[in-house]
Protein backbone atom coordinates (compact mmCIF):
# COMPACT_ATOMS: atom_id res chain seq x y z
CA UNK A 1 0.00 0.00 0.00
CA UNK A 2 1.38 3.42 -0.93
CA UNK A 3 2.57 5.77 1.76
CA UNK A 4 0.87 9.14 1.94
CA UNK A 5 4.10 10.83 3.03
CA UNK A 6 6.06 12.40 0.18
CA UNK A 7 9.72 11.55 -0.23
CA UNK A 8 12.29 14.31 0.03
CA UNK A 9 12.65 16.31 -3.15
CA UNK A 10 9.48 14.87 -4.68
CA UNK A 11 6.66 17.33 -5.38
CA UNK A 12 3.20 16.65 -4.01
CA UNK A 13 0.68 15.08 -6.37
CA UNK A 14 -1.16 18.36 -6.81
CA UNK A 15 2.00 20.37 -7.48
CA UNK A 16 3.35 17.75 -9.85
CA UNK A 17 0.08 17.58 -11.75
CA UNK A 18 0.14 21.34 -12.31
CA UNK A 19 3.78 21.46 -13.39
CA UNK A 20 3.85 18.50 -15.72
CA UNK A 21 3.59 18.84 -19.46
CA UNK A 22 3.14 21.61 -21.96
CA UNK A 23 0.97 24.70 -21.97
CA UNK A 24 -2.76 24.03 -21.45
CA UNK A 25 -4.29 23.25 -24.83
CA UNK A 26 -7.73 24.72 -24.09
CA UNK A 27 -10.65 24.42 -26.48
CA UNK A 28 -8.76 22.58 -29.22
CA UNK A 29 -7.64 19.93 -26.78
CA UNK A 30 -11.12 19.34 -25.38
CA UNK A 31 -12.51 19.29 -28.93
CA UNK A 32 -10.07 16.47 -29.71
CA UNK A 33 -11.23 14.62 -26.58
CA UNK A 34 -14.89 15.01 -27.59
CA UNK A 35 -14.22 13.74 -31.10
CA UNK A 36 -12.28 10.76 -29.77
CA UNK A 37 -15.30 10.03 -27.56
CA UNK A 38 -17.56 10.11 -30.62
CA UNK A 39 -15.21 7.76 -32.48
CA UNK A 40 -15.17 5.23 -29.64
CA UNK A 41 -18.95 5.57 -29.35
CA UNK A 42 -19.39 4.53 -32.98
CA UNK A 43 -16.91 1.71 -32.45
CA UNK A 44 -19.07 0.30 -29.69
CA UNK A 45 -22.25 0.69 -31.73
CA UNK A 46 -20.76 -1.14 -34.71
CA UNK A 47 -19.21 -3.80 -32.50
CA UNK A 48 -22.10 -4.52 -30.14
CA UNK A 49 -25.30 -3.98 -32.09
CA UNK A 50 -25.12 -7.58 -33.30
CA UNK A 51 -25.87 -8.74 -29.72
CA UNK A 52 -29.38 -7.31 -30.07
CA UNK A 53 -30.04 -9.61 -33.00
CA UNK A 54 -28.95 -12.93 -31.49
CA UNK A 55 -32.42 -14.43 -31.80
CA UNK A 56 -33.19 -13.19 -35.37
CA UNK A 57 -29.77 -14.32 -36.60
CA UNK A 58 -30.25 -17.75 -35.04
CA UNK A 59 -33.69 -18.06 -36.58
CA UNK A 60 -33.06 -16.77 -40.09
CA UNK A 61 -29.57 -18.18 -40.61
CA UNK A 62 -30.10 -21.38 -38.60
CA UNK A 63 -27.16 -20.88 -36.21
CA UNK A 64 -26.55 -22.31 -32.73
CA UNK A 65 -25.68 -20.39 -29.55
CA UNK A 66 -22.09 -21.57 -29.95
CA UNK A 67 -21.88 -20.26 -33.53
CA UNK A 68 -23.36 -16.96 -32.38
CA UNK A 69 -20.75 -16.80 -29.62
CA UNK A 70 -17.99 -17.21 -32.21
CA UNK A 71 -19.38 -14.28 -34.19
CA UNK A 72 -19.61 -12.18 -31.02
CA UNK A 73 -16.15 -13.20 -29.81
CA UNK A 74 -13.43 -14.90 -31.82
CA UNK A 75 -14.45 -13.51 -35.22
CA UNK A 76 -13.76 -10.06 -33.81
CA UNK A 77 -10.93 -10.71 -31.39
CA UNK A 78 -8.44 -12.75 -33.43
CA UNK A 79 -8.06 -10.02 -36.11
CA UNK A 80 -8.03 -7.46 -33.27
CA UNK A 81 -5.10 -9.30 -31.71
CA UNK A 82 -3.17 -9.56 -34.97
CA UNK A 83 -3.58 -5.96 -36.13
CA UNK A 84 -3.30 -4.18 -32.77
CA UNK A 85 0.42 -4.41 -31.90
CA UNK A 86 1.89 -3.24 -35.22
CA UNK A 87 -0.63 -0.42 -35.52
CA UNK A 88 0.19 0.78 -31.99
CA UNK A 89 3.81 1.22 -33.15
CA UNK A 90 2.54 3.43 -35.96
CA UNK A 91 0.38 5.38 -33.49
CA UNK A 92 3.38 6.05 -31.23
CA UNK A 93 4.88 7.86 -34.20
CA UNK A 94 3.36 10.95 -35.77
CA UNK A 95 0.36 9.27 -37.45
CA UNK A 96 -2.19 9.10 -34.65
CA UNK A 97 -4.94 11.08 -36.37
CA UNK A 98 -4.51 9.29 -39.70
CA UNK A 99 -4.69 5.90 -37.97
CA UNK A 100 -7.92 6.88 -36.19
CA UNK A 101 -9.67 8.30 -39.28
CA UNK A 102 -8.60 5.43 -41.54
CA UNK A 103 -9.61 2.67 -39.16
CA UNK A 104 -12.99 4.33 -38.54
CA UNK A 105 -13.71 4.34 -42.27
CA UNK A 106 -12.75 0.67 -42.63
CA UNK A 107 -14.85 -0.67 -39.75
CA UNK A 108 -17.86 1.46 -40.75
CA UNK A 109 -17.75 -0.02 -44.25
CA UNK A 110 -17.39 -3.54 -42.82
CA UNK A 111 -20.43 -2.96 -40.59
CA UNK A 112 -22.49 -2.04 -43.63
CA UNK A 113 -21.41 -5.27 -45.33
CA UNK A 114 -23.28 -7.25 -42.64
CA UNK A 115 -26.36 -6.29 -44.63
CA UNK A 116 -25.35 -8.73 -47.36
CA UNK A 117 -24.27 -11.62 -45.10
CA UNK A 118 -25.96 -14.92 -46.02
CA UNK A 119 -24.53 -17.27 -43.42
CA UNK A 120 -21.98 -17.90 -40.72
CA UNK A 121 -18.82 -17.35 -42.75
CA UNK A 122 -19.90 -14.14 -44.45
CA UNK A 123 -20.82 -12.71 -41.03
CA UNK A 124 -17.47 -13.96 -39.73
CA UNK A 125 -15.54 -12.12 -42.46
CA UNK A 126 -17.28 -8.79 -41.81
CA UNK A 127 -16.76 -9.11 -38.06
CA UNK A 128 -13.07 -9.84 -38.66
CA UNK A 129 -12.67 -6.60 -40.63
CA UNK A 130 -14.35 -4.64 -37.83
CA UNK A 131 -12.05 -6.18 -35.22
CA UNK A 132 -8.85 -5.46 -37.16
CA UNK A 133 -9.83 -1.84 -37.82
CA UNK A 134 -10.94 -1.09 -34.26
CA UNK A 135 -7.66 -2.42 -32.83
CA UNK A 136 -5.81 0.26 -34.78
CA UNK A 137 -7.94 3.14 -33.49
CA UNK A 138 -8.11 2.50 -29.75
CA UNK A 139 -4.40 2.83 -28.73
CA UNK A 140 -4.00 6.00 -30.80
CA UNK A 141 -7.14 7.51 -29.23
CA UNK A 142 -5.96 6.82 -25.66
CA UNK A 143 -2.59 8.38 -26.48
CA UNK A 144 -4.13 11.51 -28.04
CA UNK A 145 -6.41 12.10 -25.06
CA UNK A 146 -3.42 11.95 -22.69
CA UNK A 147 -1.73 14.80 -24.60
CA UNK A 148 -4.83 16.88 -25.26
CA UNK A 149 -5.40 18.15 -21.69
CA UNK A 150 -3.41 18.97 -18.58
CA UNK A 151 -2.42 15.89 -16.55
CA UNK A 152 -4.45 17.01 -13.54
CA UNK A 153 -7.59 16.83 -15.71
CA UNK A 154 -6.92 13.35 -17.09
CA UNK A 155 -9.63 11.59 -15.03
CA UNK A 156 -12.16 14.11 -16.34
CA UNK A 157 -10.95 13.68 -19.91
CA UNK A 158 -11.11 9.91 -19.68
CA UNK A 159 -14.56 10.13 -18.09
CA UNK A 160 -15.70 11.94 -21.23
CA UNK A 161 -13.86 9.48 -23.46
CA UNK A 162 -15.22 6.40 -21.69
CA UNK A 163 -18.67 7.97 -21.65
CA UNK A 164 -18.44 7.73 -25.42
CA UNK A 165 -17.51 4.05 -25.22
CA UNK A 166 -20.19 3.12 -22.71
CA UNK A 167 -22.65 5.45 -24.40
CA UNK A 168 -21.99 3.61 -27.63
CA UNK A 169 -22.79 0.31 -25.95
CA UNK A 170 -26.03 1.77 -24.63
CA UNK A 171 -26.81 3.46 -27.93
CA UNK A 172 -26.33 0.19 -29.80
CA UNK A 173 -29.16 -1.25 -27.70
CA UNK A 174 -31.40 1.80 -27.59
CA UNK A 175 -31.03 2.90 -31.21
CA UNK A 176 -30.98 -0.70 -32.36
CA UNK A 177 -34.23 -1.41 -30.55
CA UNK A 178 -35.95 1.61 -32.10
CA UNK A 179 -34.69 0.81 -35.60
CA UNK A 180 -35.65 -2.85 -35.28
CA UNK A 181 -39.16 -1.80 -34.37
CA UNK A 182 -39.27 0.47 -37.43
CA UNK A 183 -37.78 -2.14 -39.79
CA UNK A 184 -40.13 -4.87 -38.58
CA UNK A 185 -42.75 -3.68 -41.03
CA UNK A 186 -40.54 -4.32 -44.04
CA UNK A 187 -40.46 -7.58 -45.96
CA UNK A 188 -37.27 -9.46 -46.72
CA UNK A 189 -35.66 -8.56 -50.01
CA UNK A 190 -34.92 -11.43 -52.41
CA UNK A 191 -31.87 -10.75 -54.61
CA UNK A 192 -31.83 -13.17 -57.58
CA UNK A 193 -28.71 -15.32 -57.62
CA UNK A 194 -27.62 -13.98 -54.23
CA UNK A 195 -30.13 -14.69 -51.48
CA UNK A 196 -32.37 -13.01 -48.93
CA UNK A 197 -31.67 -9.71 -47.20
CA UNK A 198 -33.80 -9.78 -44.06
CA UNK A 199 -35.32 -6.61 -42.70
CA UNK A 200 -33.15 -6.64 -39.56
CA UNK A 201 -30.01 -6.70 -41.73
CA UNK A 202 -30.80 -3.21 -43.04
CA UNK A 203 -29.94 -1.99 -39.56
CA UNK A 204 -26.25 -2.60 -40.25
CA UNK A 205 -26.26 -0.28 -43.26
CA UNK A 206 -27.95 2.46 -41.24
CA UNK A 207 -25.40 2.36 -38.41
CA UNK A 208 -22.37 2.03 -40.69
CA UNK A 209 -22.94 5.16 -42.77
CA UNK A 210 -22.31 7.80 -40.04
CA UNK A 211 -18.82 6.43 -39.44
CA UNK A 212 -17.78 7.10 -43.03
CA UNK A 213 -18.85 10.73 -42.67
CA UNK A 214 -17.17 11.12 -39.28
CA UNK A 215 -13.88 9.77 -40.64
CA UNK A 216 -13.77 12.73 -43.03
CA UNK A 217 -14.57 15.18 -40.22
CA UNK A 218 -11.76 13.71 -38.07
CA UNK A 219 -9.24 14.00 -40.90
CA UNK A 220 -10.12 17.63 -41.66
CA UNK A 221 -10.85 19.23 -38.28
CA UNK A 222 -9.28 17.40 -35.32
CA UNK A 223 -5.93 18.82 -34.13
CA UNK A 224 -3.09 16.37 -33.50
CA UNK A 225 -1.84 17.49 -30.06
CA UNK A 226 1.91 17.51 -29.64
CA UNK A 227 3.37 15.18 -27.08
CA UNK A 228 3.57 16.94 -23.75
CA UNK A 229 6.69 15.20 -22.41
CA UNK A 230 9.26 12.53 -22.97
CA UNK A 231 11.37 11.79 -26.04
CA UNK A 232 10.09 12.20 -29.57
CA UNK A 233 7.88 9.65 -31.27
CA UNK A 234 9.16 6.12 -31.82
CA UNK A 235 12.31 6.60 -29.72
CA UNK A 236 11.63 3.38 -27.79
CA UNK A 237 12.39 0.06 -29.51
CA UNK A 238 9.98 -2.79 -28.85
CA UNK A 239 12.48 -4.49 -26.54
CA UNK A 240 12.56 -1.38 -24.34
CA UNK A 241 8.77 -1.32 -24.14
CA UNK A 242 8.75 -4.94 -22.99
CA UNK A 243 11.64 -4.16 -20.66
CA UNK A 244 9.70 -1.35 -19.07
CA UNK A 245 6.66 -3.56 -18.52
CA UNK A 246 8.91 -6.30 -17.10
CA UNK A 247 10.54 -3.86 -14.68
CA UNK A 248 7.10 -2.68 -13.57
CA UNK A 249 5.62 -6.19 -13.42
CA UNK A 250 4.53 -5.70 -9.82
CA UNK A 251 1.90 -3.34 -11.19
CA UNK A 252 1.30 -4.70 -14.67
CA UNK A 253 0.88 -8.41 -13.96
CA UNK A 254 -1.97 -8.07 -11.44
CA UNK A 255 -3.53 -5.15 -13.33
CA UNK A 256 -3.48 -7.09 -16.60
CA UNK A 257 -5.08 -10.00 -14.76
CA UNK A 258 -7.76 -7.69 -13.40
CA UNK A 259 -8.42 -6.23 -16.85
CA UNK A 260 -8.78 -9.75 -18.25
CA UNK A 261 -11.14 -10.93 -15.53
CA UNK A 262 -13.19 -7.74 -15.73
CA UNK A 263 -13.48 -7.88 -19.51
CA UNK A 264 -14.65 -11.49 -19.45
CA UNK A 265 -17.52 -10.36 -17.24
CA UNK A 266 -18.36 -7.20 -19.17
CA UNK A 267 -18.17 -8.65 -22.68
CA UNK A 268 -20.16 -11.67 -21.59
CA UNK A 269 -22.85 -9.45 -20.09
CA UNK A 270 -22.96 -7.12 -23.11
CA UNK A 271 -23.38 -10.06 -25.47
CA UNK A 272 -26.02 -12.01 -23.54
CA UNK A 273 -28.01 -9.57 -21.37
CA UNK A 274 -30.54 -8.78 -24.16
CA UNK A 275 -31.07 -12.52 -24.66
CA UNK A 276 -31.49 -12.92 -20.88
CA UNK A 277 -34.36 -10.43 -20.85
CA UNK A 278 -35.94 -12.15 -23.84
CA UNK A 279 -35.67 -15.66 -22.38
CA UNK A 280 -36.45 -14.86 -18.74
CA UNK A 281 -39.06 -12.11 -18.96
CA UNK A 282 -40.36 -12.47 -22.51
CA UNK A 283 -39.29 -9.05 -23.74
CA UNK A 284 -38.83 -8.57 -27.48
CA UNK A 285 -35.42 -7.49 -28.82
CA UNK A 286 -36.80 -4.02 -29.52
CA UNK A 287 -38.10 -3.60 -25.95
CA UNK A 288 -34.98 -5.03 -24.31
CA UNK A 289 -32.67 -2.96 -26.48
CA UNK A 290 -34.46 0.33 -25.94
CA UNK A 291 -34.79 0.01 -22.16
CA UNK A 292 -31.34 -1.48 -21.54
CA UNK A 293 -29.81 1.24 -23.69
CA UNK A 294 -31.56 4.09 -21.87
CA UNK A 295 -30.78 2.74 -18.40
CA UNK A 296 -27.20 1.91 -19.32
CA UNK A 297 -26.54 5.32 -20.82
CA UNK A 298 -27.83 7.19 -17.77
CA UNK A 299 -26.13 5.01 -15.18
CA UNK A 300 -22.79 4.82 -16.99
CA UNK A 301 -22.58 8.55 -17.61
CA UNK A 302 -23.39 9.33 -13.99
CA UNK A 303 -20.87 6.81 -12.72
CA UNK A 304 -18.07 8.01 -14.98
CA UNK A 305 -18.23 11.68 -14.05
CA UNK A 306 -18.80 10.93 -10.38
CA UNK A 307 -15.78 8.61 -10.45
CA UNK A 308 -13.66 11.25 -12.21
CA UNK A 309 -14.44 13.83 -9.53
CA UNK A 310 -13.65 11.38 -6.75
CA UNK A 311 -10.37 10.36 -8.42
CA UNK A 312 -9.25 13.97 -8.96
CA UNK A 313 -10.08 14.90 -5.37
CA UNK A 314 -8.42 11.80 -3.96
CA UNK A 315 -5.31 12.32 -6.13
CA UNK A 316 -4.56 15.54 -4.26
CA UNK A 317 -4.02 13.42 -1.16
CA UNK A 318 -2.60 10.07 -2.25
CA UNK A 319 -0.26 8.80 -4.95
CA UNK A 320 -2.27 5.57 -5.27
CA UNK A 321 -5.64 7.31 -5.62
CA UNK A 322 -6.53 6.15 -9.12
CA UNK A 323 -6.23 2.42 -8.56
CA UNK A 324 -7.88 2.67 -5.13
CA UNK A 325 -10.94 4.23 -6.75
CA UNK A 326 -10.93 1.50 -9.40
CA UNK A 327 -10.64 -1.28 -6.82
CA UNK A 328 -13.50 -0.12 -4.60
CA UNK A 329 -15.67 0.64 -7.62
CA UNK A 330 -15.38 -2.90 -8.98
CA UNK A 331 -15.81 -4.53 -5.58
CA UNK A 332 -18.92 -2.62 -4.48
CA UNK A 333 -20.67 -3.24 -7.81
CA UNK A 334 -20.59 -7.04 -7.40
CA UNK A 335 -23.66 -7.51 -5.13
CA UNK A 336 -25.91 -5.55 -7.48
CA UNK A 337 -24.69 -7.43 -10.55
CA UNK A 338 -25.20 -10.77 -8.81
CA UNK A 339 -28.70 -10.05 -7.50
CA UNK A 340 -30.05 -8.37 -10.66
CA UNK A 341 -30.64 -11.48 -12.82
CA UNK A 342 -32.36 -13.25 -9.90
CA UNK A 343 -35.15 -10.71 -9.59
CA UNK A 344 -38.75 -11.91 -10.14
CA UNK A 345 -39.55 -9.16 -12.67
CA UNK A 346 -37.56 -7.20 -15.25
CA UNK A 347 -38.04 -3.82 -13.59
CA UNK A 348 -36.26 -4.89 -10.43
CA UNK A 349 -33.52 -6.45 -12.53
CA UNK A 350 -33.13 -3.19 -14.45
CA UNK A 351 -33.01 -1.16 -11.24
CA UNK A 352 -30.29 -3.24 -9.62
CA UNK A 353 -28.36 -3.27 -12.88
CA UNK A 354 -28.53 0.53 -13.00
CA UNK A 355 -27.15 0.92 -9.47
CA UNK A 356 -24.40 -1.60 -10.22
CA UNK A 357 -23.66 0.27 -13.44
CA UNK A 358 -23.15 3.58 -11.64
CA UNK A 359 -20.80 2.04 -9.09
CA UNK A 360 -18.94 -0.20 -11.52
CA UNK A 361 -18.17 2.54 -14.06
CA UNK A 362 -16.77 4.93 -11.43
CA UNK A 363 -13.40 3.19 -11.73
CA UNK A 364 -13.03 3.66 -15.49
CA UNK A 365 -11.57 7.21 -15.61
CA UNK A 366 -9.21 6.43 -12.73
CA UNK A 367 -7.91 3.26 -14.42
CA UNK A 368 -7.17 5.01 -17.71
CA UNK A 369 -5.53 7.97 -16.00
CA UNK A 370 -3.38 5.60 -13.92
CA UNK A 371 -2.14 3.79 -17.01
CA UNK A 372 -1.06 7.00 -18.75
CA UNK A 373 0.48 8.61 -15.66
CA UNK A 374 2.65 5.57 -14.94
CA UNK A 375 3.91 5.10 -18.55
CA UNK A 376 6.50 7.12 -20.55
CA UNK A 377 4.76 9.24 -23.17
CA UNK A 378 6.33 7.75 -26.30
CA UNK A 379 5.35 4.19 -25.41
CA UNK A 380 1.79 4.87 -24.25
CA UNK A 381 0.11 3.60 -27.42
CA UNK A 382 2.01 0.33 -27.19
CA UNK A 383 1.29 -0.19 -23.48
CA UNK A 384 -2.35 0.74 -24.11
CA UNK A 385 -2.38 -1.78 -26.96
CA UNK A 386 -1.17 -4.47 -24.56
CA UNK A 387 -4.05 -3.76 -22.21
CA UNK A 388 -6.55 -3.42 -25.02
CA UNK A 389 -5.34 -6.71 -26.45
CA UNK A 390 -5.89 -8.36 -23.07
CA UNK A 391 -9.30 -6.74 -22.74
CA UNK A 392 -10.62 -6.86 -26.28
CA UNK A 393 -8.90 -9.86 -27.83
CA UNK A 394 -8.64 -12.31 -24.93
CA UNK A 395 -11.48 -11.15 -22.68
CA UNK A 396 -13.61 -10.28 -25.68
CA UNK A 397 -13.18 -13.81 -27.01
CA UNK A 398 -13.70 -15.64 -23.71
CA UNK A 399 -16.63 -13.63 -22.31
CA UNK A 400 -19.21 -14.04 -25.09
CA UNK A 401 -18.17 -17.69 -25.57
CA UNK A 402 -17.92 -18.80 -21.93
CA UNK A 403 -21.53 -17.98 -21.11
CA UNK A 404 -23.20 -19.98 -23.93
CA UNK A 405 -20.81 -22.89 -23.39
CA UNK A 406 -21.85 -23.09 -19.74
CA UNK A 407 -25.49 -22.63 -20.75
CA UNK A 408 -25.33 -25.36 -23.43
CA UNK A 409 -23.15 -27.95 -21.69
CA UNK A 410 -23.54 -27.34 -17.94
CA UNK A 411 -26.91 -25.70 -17.35
CA UNK A 412 -28.44 -27.52 -20.30
CA UNK A 413 -31.31 -25.09 -20.90
CA UNK A 414 -31.69 -21.66 -22.47
CA UNK A 415 -33.93 -20.70 -19.56
CA UNK A 416 -30.98 -21.10 -17.16
CA UNK A 417 -29.04 -18.24 -18.75
CA UNK A 418 -29.86 -16.06 -15.71
CA UNK A 419 -28.07 -18.45 -13.36
CA UNK A 420 -25.05 -18.62 -15.62
CA UNK A 421 -24.78 -14.82 -15.58
CA UNK A 422 -25.01 -14.84 -11.78
CA UNK A 423 -22.39 -17.56 -11.40
CA UNK A 424 -19.87 -15.82 -13.62
CA UNK A 425 -20.24 -12.55 -11.68
CA UNK A 426 -20.08 -14.26 -8.31
CA UNK A 427 -16.86 -16.09 -9.14
CA UNK A 428 -15.00 -13.44 -11.12
CA UNK A 429 -16.12 -10.18 -9.48
CA UNK A 430 -14.20 -10.56 -6.18
CA UNK A 431 -11.15 -11.90 -8.04
CA UNK A 432 -11.15 -8.79 -10.22
CA UNK A 433 -11.10 -6.48 -7.17
CA UNK A 434 -8.39 -8.53 -5.44
CA UNK A 435 -6.05 -8.29 -8.43
CA UNK A 436 -6.52 -4.51 -8.62
CA UNK A 437 -5.69 -4.28 -4.91
CA UNK A 438 -2.41 -6.12 -5.53
CA UNK A 439 -1.43 -3.50 -8.13
CA UNK A 440 -2.08 -0.43 -5.96
CA UNK A 441 1.28 -0.07 -4.18
CA UNK A 442 3.42 -0.81 -7.28
CA UNK A 443 1.34 1.73 -9.21
CA UNK A 444 2.08 4.44 -6.63
CA UNK A 445 5.82 3.77 -7.02
CA UNK A 446 5.58 3.88 -10.82
CA UNK A 447 3.60 7.12 -10.68
CA UNK A 448 6.23 8.76 -8.44
CA UNK A 449 8.95 7.57 -10.82
CA UNK A 450 7.26 9.30 -13.77
CA UNK A 451 6.98 12.53 -11.78
CA UNK A 452 10.66 12.41 -10.90
CA UNK A 453 11.42 11.83 -14.59
CA UNK A 454 9.52 14.99 -15.51
CA UNK A 455 6.45 13.33 -17.02
């Protein structure tokens, strides 16, 4: 556990935060943060909207839960894992904005191609393109946000950025539900020599188009903030990046484990919560999507900005503030996430999920700020890519697949999905918090080291 007493010659957290980095970047910097939030919002919409159509895809394309889980997980995560590391090297150079705009255009086009998918493998190919493109954007976006604002405002900036990500997840449900209700009145389109385009597939074209337009806006209007500290771009060879992580393994090993365990829970819940409400309470996809999206958007936004304020206030007093906030946030959310699926009606389940969502998302801004503040500037994209790989590629593959495997081969009934969701949370939630706790003291030492180094 980190000591509150400052070492001789080391500035206090508040003083260090005010003295680090370049001149405040003002409106242009916050504009860049807002646009990065919009980009990550569209990424989540394009990535997650497929979860709302689990039942229609199963019905019209004759797929099993396991095949659906592969589309939700591995089809996305394997290309994500392959493309992410090399693109993070590019992003640590001077090409961050170009990487973000280009990857946004690619995954938006791939989302639209879902409209023409006729079976498992055509869906798989489109999902693979989305995964590869999104892996290029995320590390560059995290790195740009870290340079766009003053270090003392990083929790606030990441609250806004993560609000885009979580808002995108909620929007994929809410907007998807509304559009599905609208498209339900349309007949399937038969294309001679090709096949059927079902009404729900038109949804993919509608959500893919805005990303193509936004990519142009990003390229033309978003400033590329200069790096606030550290050596110039690409001054760290790969071996030095791995060496840095190895030297800081007391922090990174447990924190990577926590990120993995947390992402298994979150990606599993994102993929299968709409199906849970359909199977347990009889809600239609449109109803489940609209209500889950609205509740998720409100609770996540409230939790993020509340967590950012707590982290910024706590950081004036302790070096380990960010990971402490993350740890308590994840731990205190567990009871609500466990009890929610057991409720006798959907409204109680939604209410407990909303409370758990507020508490659980409070740790997001603190976690992202901690990762940037403990990492040299010119290797941030690569270290972020390592965490995003663990979260998106490994956790994103295991989470959506683990739940249906347990449902199919252990529970044995679709109706038991609620108990599978409860069991996964009950087992993995406390482990997640414990691993974060183990990383707190090493993080405080790493944070002090970056301050001493002038970052």
